[in-house]
Amino acid sequence: MIIILNYNDYSYKRRKKIGTVNEMSTLEERMTLFGEVFGMPEQAKEFIAQYETKREESSMKIWG
């Protein structure tokens, strides 16, 4: 499996020839997949929740 976090059309086509390509665009998608791959789905969910909390807190500090 090839995981592409950021890609362009050319690199996607080249990697597609090698094997299964999993394109993910959001942090939640990436962390969920990594949690499943490494057998740690609960830790991935916890990480996502903590990240969202920190993101919201930071946004409030910046934008009020």
Foldseek 3Di string as FASTA:
>chain_A
DAEDADDDPVVVVVVVVVHDYDYDDDLLVVLCVVCVVVVNNVVSVVVVVVVVVVVVVVCVVVVD
